[in-house]
Amino acid sequence: MSLAPVVLGLLTAGAALGQQPAGASSQPAQTDSSTTSEAHERILGLIPVFEVTNPQTAHPLTSREKFDLFARQTFDPFQWMAAGAQAGLSQAENTWPGYGQGGAGYVKRYGATMGDVIDREFWSDYLLPVALRQDPRYFRLGQGSVKHRFIYSLEQEFWCKTDAGTRQFNYSKILGAFAAKGISNGYYPASDRGFGPTMRNSGVAILSGMATAVATEFWPDIDCRVFHKCGRL
């Protein structure tokens, strides 16, 4: 199994789409200073949340900025470490038995896990947001009742801001989940391919996105009250 052609193809397409039209400014759009500092935050000091921003009026991202965001989120060292841990757990539980055991089995599971990360982030946070002019960031509410914020965070997997500042169905996240899992049929074992596994895995990806949104919304509150690190997000 080799993911190199898939990854190379995705990044090549991304680099091409990320180019600005001739005559356009090569400088990234200016954003709020708070947005810039927020982009470097991590949950528990480890998990990157580069896609979260507080200001509801944050400047829309250019195609190049969306590509940069995708690359930073996807190739952060934490992603590689997490993929390694997930591959080890999958091997211990004999998930994807078609990959076998031993070193070769682990390498295949690691490649598949990292391939899933790249596929998901590329489709949902770059390619489709550029094509559909949608904003891939999570706009943190940060105020209001817990119930209101909880519902709001879940909704973000299905509703997003557009580059024009309006809101619409989050085609990027939903279609991206199905597209990524469809591509995974190219490197999953034969026993884990097909319509059924693709639909099931896509559903899991969407639920995972909803859980991540909830964690993103409430982490700064936890960080402040438990670890006394306030005013970060």
Protein backbone atom coordinates (compact mmCIF):
# COMPACT_ATOMS: atom_id res chain seq x y z
CA MET A 1 0.00 0.00 0.00
CA SER A 2 1.31 3.44 -0.88
CA LEU A 3 -0.37 6.75 -0.08
CA ALA A 4 2.32 8.81 -1.78
CA PRO A 5 0.42 9.24 -5.09
CA VAL A 6 -2.75 10.24 -3.23
CA VAL A 7 -1.00 12.74 -0.98
CA LEU A 8 1.08 14.17 -3.82
CA GLY A 9 -2.01 14.59 -5.99
CA LEU A 10 -3.92 16.35 -3.23
CA LEU A 11 -1.09 18.74 -2.43
CA THR A 12 -0.42 19.49 -6.09
CA ALA A 13 -4.06 20.36 -6.67
CA GLY A 14 -4.07 22.42 -3.49
CA ALA A 15 -1.02 24.39 -4.48
CA ALA A 16 -2.57 25.17 -7.86
CA LEU A 17 -5.88 26.31 -6.40
CA GLY A 18 -4.06 28.27 -3.72
CA GLN A 19 -2.46 30.58 -6.29
CA GLN A 20 -4.07 33.99 -6.44
CA PRO A 21 -5.17 35.41 -9.78
CA ALA A 22 -2.75 37.56 -11.69
CA GLY A 23 -2.71 41.10 -10.41
CA ALA A 24 -4.04 40.15 -7.00
CA SER A 25 -2.11 41.16 -3.92
CA SER A 26 0.33 38.57 -2.68
CA GLN A 27 -0.11 39.80 0.88
CA PRO A 28 -2.47 37.82 3.10
CA ALA A 29 -5.65 39.54 4.15
CA GLN A 30 -5.36 41.44 7.38
CA THR A 31 -7.16 39.91 10.32
CA ASP A 32 -7.82 41.00 13.86
CA SER A 33 -4.76 40.77 16.07
CA SER A 34 -6.75 38.60 18.45
CA THR A 35 -7.42 36.18 15.60
CA THR A 36 -3.71 35.97 14.83
CA SER A 37 -2.78 35.08 18.41
CA GLU A 38 -5.67 32.66 18.74
CA ALA A 39 -4.43 30.71 15.72
CA HIS A 40 -1.56 29.36 17.80
CA GLU A 41 -3.65 27.96 20.64
CA ARG A 42 -3.72 24.30 21.57
CA ILE A 43 -6.03 22.30 23.80
CA LEU A 44 -4.02 20.96 26.75
CA GLY A 45 -0.99 22.53 25.09
CA LEU A 46 -0.98 19.73 22.51
CA ILE A 47 -4.05 19.52 20.29
CA PRO A 48 -3.98 22.24 17.62
CA VAL A 49 -7.07 24.43 17.21
CA PHE A 50 -5.73 26.62 14.43
CA GLU A 51 -9.17 26.71 12.80
CA VAL A 52 -10.93 28.47 15.68
CA THR A 53 -11.47 32.20 15.86
CA ASN A 54 -13.45 34.42 18.19
CA PRO A 55 -14.35 37.54 16.20
CA GLN A 56 -17.64 37.09 14.39
CA THR A 57 -16.46 39.79 11.98
CA ALA A 58 -13.09 38.22 11.18
CA HIS A 59 -11.83 39.03 7.69
CA PRO A 60 -12.63 36.29 5.13
CA LEU A 61 -9.72 34.07 4.18
CA THR A 62 -8.13 34.09 0.74
CA SER A 63 -7.56 30.84 -1.14
CA ARG A 64 -3.90 30.90 -0.13
CA GLU A 65 -4.80 31.45 3.52
CA LYS A 66 -7.21 28.51 3.42
CA PHE A 67 -4.44 26.35 2.00
CA ASP A 68 -2.02 27.54 4.68
CA LEU A 69 -4.60 26.77 7.36
CA PHE A 70 -5.13 23.29 5.93
CA ALA A 71 -1.39 22.62 5.84
CA ARG A 72 -0.74 23.86 9.38
CA GLN A 73 -3.64 21.90 10.85
CA THR A 74 -2.86 18.71 8.91
CA PHE A 75 0.90 18.49 9.22
CA ASP A 76 1.23 19.66 12.80
CA PRO A 77 3.49 17.24 14.74
CA PHE A 78 0.57 16.30 16.99
CA GLN A 79 -1.28 14.80 14.02
CA TRP A 80 1.62 12.48 13.23
CA MET A 81 1.93 11.39 16.86
CA ALA A 82 -1.81 10.87 17.21
CA ALA A 83 -1.84 8.82 14.00
CA GLY A 84 0.92 6.63 15.41
CA ALA A 85 -1.01 6.04 18.62
CA GLN A 86 -4.21 5.30 16.71
CA ALA A 87 -2.39 2.87 14.44
CA GLY A 88 -1.01 1.06 17.47
CA LEU A 89 -4.47 0.82 19.02
CA SER A 90 -5.91 -0.43 15.73
CA GLN A 91 -3.24 -3.08 15.52
CA ALA A 92 -3.84 -4.20 19.10
CA GLU A 93 -7.58 -4.52 18.38
CA ASN A 94 -6.86 -6.02 14.92
CA THR A 95 -8.87 -3.34 13.19
CA TRP A 96 -8.43 -3.64 9.41
CA PRO A 97 -7.37 -7.31 9.73
CA GLY A 98 -6.49 -7.32 6.04
CA TYR A 99 -3.36 -5.35 6.91
CA GLY A 100 -2.03 -8.21 9.01
CA GLN A 101 0.20 -7.88 12.06
CA GLY A 102 3.86 -7.17 12.69
CA GLY A 103 5.84 -4.18 11.47
CA ALA A 104 4.31 -4.24 7.99
CA GLY A 105 0.80 -4.25 9.42
CA TYR A 106 1.59 -1.29 11.65
CA VAL A 107 3.07 0.73 8.79
CA LYS A 108 -0.04 0.11 6.68
CA ARG A 109 -2.34 1.13 9.54
CA TYR A 110 -0.26 4.23 10.20
CA GLY A 111 -0.37 5.20 6.53
CA ALA A 112 -4.13 4.66 6.36
CA THR A 113 -4.73 6.68 9.53
CA MET A 114 -2.62 9.60 8.33
CA GLY A 115 -4.19 9.32 4.89
CA ASP A 116 -7.60 9.75 6.50
CA VAL A 117 -6.41 12.91 8.25
CA ILE A 118 -5.01 14.41 5.06
CA ASP A 119 -8.09 13.49 3.00
CA ARG A 120 -10.52 14.91 5.53
CA GLU A 121 -8.68 18.17 6.11
CA PHE A 122 -8.00 18.71 2.40
CA TRP A 123 -11.61 18.31 1.28
CA SER A 124 -13.35 19.90 4.26
CA ASP A 125 -10.93 22.71 5.12
CA TYR A 126 -9.45 23.64 1.77
CA LEU A 127 -10.69 22.32 -1.57
CA LEU A 128 -14.45 22.60 -0.98
CA PRO A 129 -14.25 25.87 1.03
CA VAL A 130 -12.33 27.43 -1.87
CA ALA A 131 -14.66 26.04 -4.54
CA LEU A 132 -17.85 26.89 -2.63
CA ARG A 133 -16.55 30.11 -1.07
CA GLN A 134 -17.19 28.90 2.47
CA ASP A 135 -15.19 29.71 5.60
CA PRO A 136 -13.59 26.58 7.13
CA ARG A 137 -13.01 28.18 10.53
CA TYR A 138 -15.00 27.57 13.70
CA PHE A 139 -16.37 30.86 15.00
CA ARG A 140 -16.44 30.44 18.75
CA LEU A 141 -19.47 31.94 20.48
CA GLY A 142 -17.85 32.20 23.91
CA GLN A 143 -20.88 33.65 25.70
CA GLY A 144 -24.45 32.82 26.61
CA SER A 145 -25.91 29.82 28.38
CA VAL A 146 -24.23 26.43 28.30
CA LYS A 147 -27.24 24.96 26.50
CA HIS A 148 -27.21 27.66 23.82
CA ARG A 149 -23.47 27.32 23.24
CA PHE A 150 -23.69 23.52 23.16
CA ILE A 151 -26.40 23.57 20.49
CA TYR A 152 -24.54 26.28 18.58
CA SER A 153 -21.33 24.20 18.52
CA LEU A 154 -23.17 21.14 17.19
CA GLU A 155 -24.82 23.21 14.49
CA GLN A 156 -21.48 24.40 13.12
CA GLU A 157 -20.89 21.03 11.51
CA PHE A 158 -23.97 21.71 9.37
CA TRP A 159 -24.03 25.52 9.04
CA CYS A 160 -21.11 27.78 8.25
CA LYS A 161 -20.19 31.29 7.24
CA THR A 162 -19.53 32.09 3.61
CA ASP A 163 -16.75 34.33 2.37
CA ALA A 164 -19.46 36.97 1.85
CA GLY A 165 -20.40 36.84 5.54
CA THR A 166 -23.74 35.07 5.13
CA ARG A 167 -24.58 31.62 6.51
CA GLN A 168 -25.49 28.49 4.58
CA PHE A 169 -25.47 24.71 4.79
CA ASN A 170 -21.95 23.46 5.46
CA TYR A 171 -21.46 21.56 2.23
CA SER A 172 -17.69 21.62 2.82
CA LYS A 173 -17.83 19.59 6.02
CA ILE A 174 -20.58 17.15 5.03
CA LEU A 175 -19.56 16.50 1.43
CA GLY A 176 -15.93 16.52 2.52
CA ALA A 177 -16.56 13.70 4.98
CA PHE A 178 -18.11 11.52 2.29
CA ALA A 179 -15.46 12.42 -0.27
CA ALA A 180 -12.61 11.58 2.09
CA LYS A 181 -14.10 8.25 3.10
CA GLY A 182 -14.79 7.45 -0.54
CA ILE A 183 -11.12 7.99 -1.36
CA SER A 184 -10.13 5.74 1.54
CA ASN A 185 -11.55 2.81 -0.44
CA GLY A 186 -8.39 3.09 -2.48
CA TYR A 187 -6.12 2.07 0.41
CA TYR A 188 -8.33 0.23 2.92
CA PRO A 189 -8.25 -3.59 2.88
CA ALA A 190 -10.80 -5.18 0.53
CA SER A 191 -12.94 -6.34 3.47
CA ASP A 192 -13.35 -2.74 4.67
CA ARG A 193 -14.33 -1.17 1.35
CA GLY A 194 -17.69 -0.58 -0.25
CA PHE A 195 -20.84 1.46 0.20
CA GLY A 196 -21.69 0.27 3.71
CA PRO A 197 -18.30 0.95 5.33
CA THR A 198 -18.04 4.27 3.50
CA MET A 199 -21.41 5.48 4.80
CA ARG A 200 -20.64 4.26 8.32
CA ASN A 201 -17.20 5.86 8.41
CA SER A 202 -18.57 9.11 6.98
CA GLY A 203 -21.15 9.22 9.75
CA VAL A 204 -18.45 8.65 12.36
CA ALA A 205 -16.40 11.49 10.82
CA ILE A 206 -19.36 13.88 11.07
CA LEU A 207 -20.01 12.90 14.71
CA SER A 208 -16.32 13.37 15.43
CA GLY A 209 -16.50 16.86 13.92
CA MET A 210 -19.45 17.71 16.17
CA ALA A 211 -17.56 16.49 19.25
CA THR A 212 -14.53 18.53 18.25
CA ALA A 213 -16.69 21.63 17.89
CA VAL A 214 -18.07 21.19 21.40
CA ALA A 215 -14.55 20.78 22.81
CA THR A 216 -13.39 23.85 20.89
CA GLU A 217 -16.28 25.95 22.20
CA PHE A 218 -15.83 25.10 25.87
CA TRP A 219 -12.10 24.45 26.23
CA PRO A 220 -11.18 28.10 26.99
CA ASP A 221 -13.68 28.08 29.87
CA ILE A 222 -12.17 24.89 31.26
CA ASP A 223 -8.66 26.24 30.73
CA CYS A 224 -9.58 29.36 32.69
CA ARG A 225 -11.43 27.74 35.59
CA VAL A 226 -9.30 24.64 36.04
CA PHE A 227 -5.84 25.73 34.92
CA HIS A 228 -6.30 29.48 35.56
CA LYS A 229 -5.14 30.39 32.06
CA CYS A 230 -7.73 32.97 31.17
CA GLY A 231 -8.13 35.32 28.24
CA ARG A 232 -6.51 32.99 25.72
CA LEU A 233 -9.41 32.25 23.37
